Amino acid sequence: MATRTTLKATAVTSMSALALAALTTTAQADDDRVEVYGMVDVGLETYSADDEAAGFIFPGFNSAGGNNDAKDFALANGVSSRIGVRGGEDLTPNLRASYNIELGIDILNETGGATGAGSTGTRLGWAGLGGDWGEVRVGTDWMALYEFGGWNTHRTDMHGYGSYYYTTGVLRDSAQFGFRQGSTVSYQYGSAWGHSDPFAFNITAGIGEGEDNEEGISSLQAAAQYSFNDAISVNAVVYQEFVDGPADDDEATLYNVGARWNVTPALELAANYTVVTDFSDAVADSGTDGSDERDSIALAAMYDFGQGWDGHLGVSQASADDIADIDYNVYGFVRHSFTNRTNARLEFEHIDYDGDANDATETVGMVALQHNF
């Protein structure tokens, strides 16, 4: 009981201190432009799968007792409710200091969810210096791999990433699954979210990740995007791991290329291809062709129906030397935004696997409510 009370008190104290610090800073300096923001998201989810399914759908994430094929349904907070503080200060006419601290919060279980990992956790946490020349950041941040790659075709909040996980799941440490990465130093010019910047570029170094890794720079990624007429963007990402230590020395290499096209103001089409190699010496040594490789290709459409309704539909395939192929992965959502802060959505994903011994499928559906502040 004492441990449970301590966890609750720690979480409440942390949130209170975070909000109080932000409000105090706002009162002290108007030019700091401090923003306290957050999101609450919860869904009701149903999941079914064959026993042989490879498991690239993750049901019941951040739920009280998880979710599986045996359960009728469960609540899920997989997109992670959160609270954050961000802001900055102009140091000179062309030099600005900025920061972002964002904590994910498990709203469904006061003891930290099915994994017991704790009620709060760092999603973002970085400090930066920037200007017209770009921005340098240090800390935990979004990976260029997602901003310049995965976001092309994967826009769902929670489910719809099976083929993306298929390739990025073999990466090491915090880079695994390709969303955010900790312990990084990065430089970025422009933004790849949308088409607004004609050119965007990012280079990121992962620093000292992995207890068994003696390399100072544990990974490097470089990404670039070029946009035409605020309507078409083409992009590419290269990611390389560096490992030197007493354990395994697998050094994955990943390449990603993609494109997006706003056919009309309401319709956007996109494509994305990812291939990762050299992630496992054991696979390479046992493979019939002496290689270890996974790749995936995805096509997607995003459509604004008007009156607060929008939708997303994607289809992908993936193959590998070490696990069952994905014959097809269909995913998407239909969403209604009541206001610019509150929406409800229906998400779905289905994967059909093709293995040497047997085939398998897994399917998930979820209705969810989200409120942003």
Foldseek 3Di string as FASTA:
>chain_A
DVVLVVQLVVVVVVVVVQVVVQVVVCVVDVQQPKDKKWKDKKWKKAKAKDPQDPDLAAAQALAAATYYRVDGIGMHQQLFTKIKMKTWHDPDPFKIKIWIWMKGASPHDSQGHNVSPGGIDTPDTWIWMGGQVWIKIFWKDFDCCCQQAVVQADDDSGDDCSQLLVAQQLDDDQCRSRTMDGGKIKTKHDGSNAQPDQKIKMKMWRADPDPFFPDGGFKIKIKMWGHDPSFKIKMKMWMWGAGDGDDDGQIKIKIKIKMKGDPDPFKIKMKMKMKMWRSDQVLLVPFPVSTWMKMKMKIKMKGDPDPQKIKIWMKMWMDTRPFWTWPMKIWMKIKGAPDPFKIKMKIKMKTWTGDPVDIMIMIMIIIMIMGMD
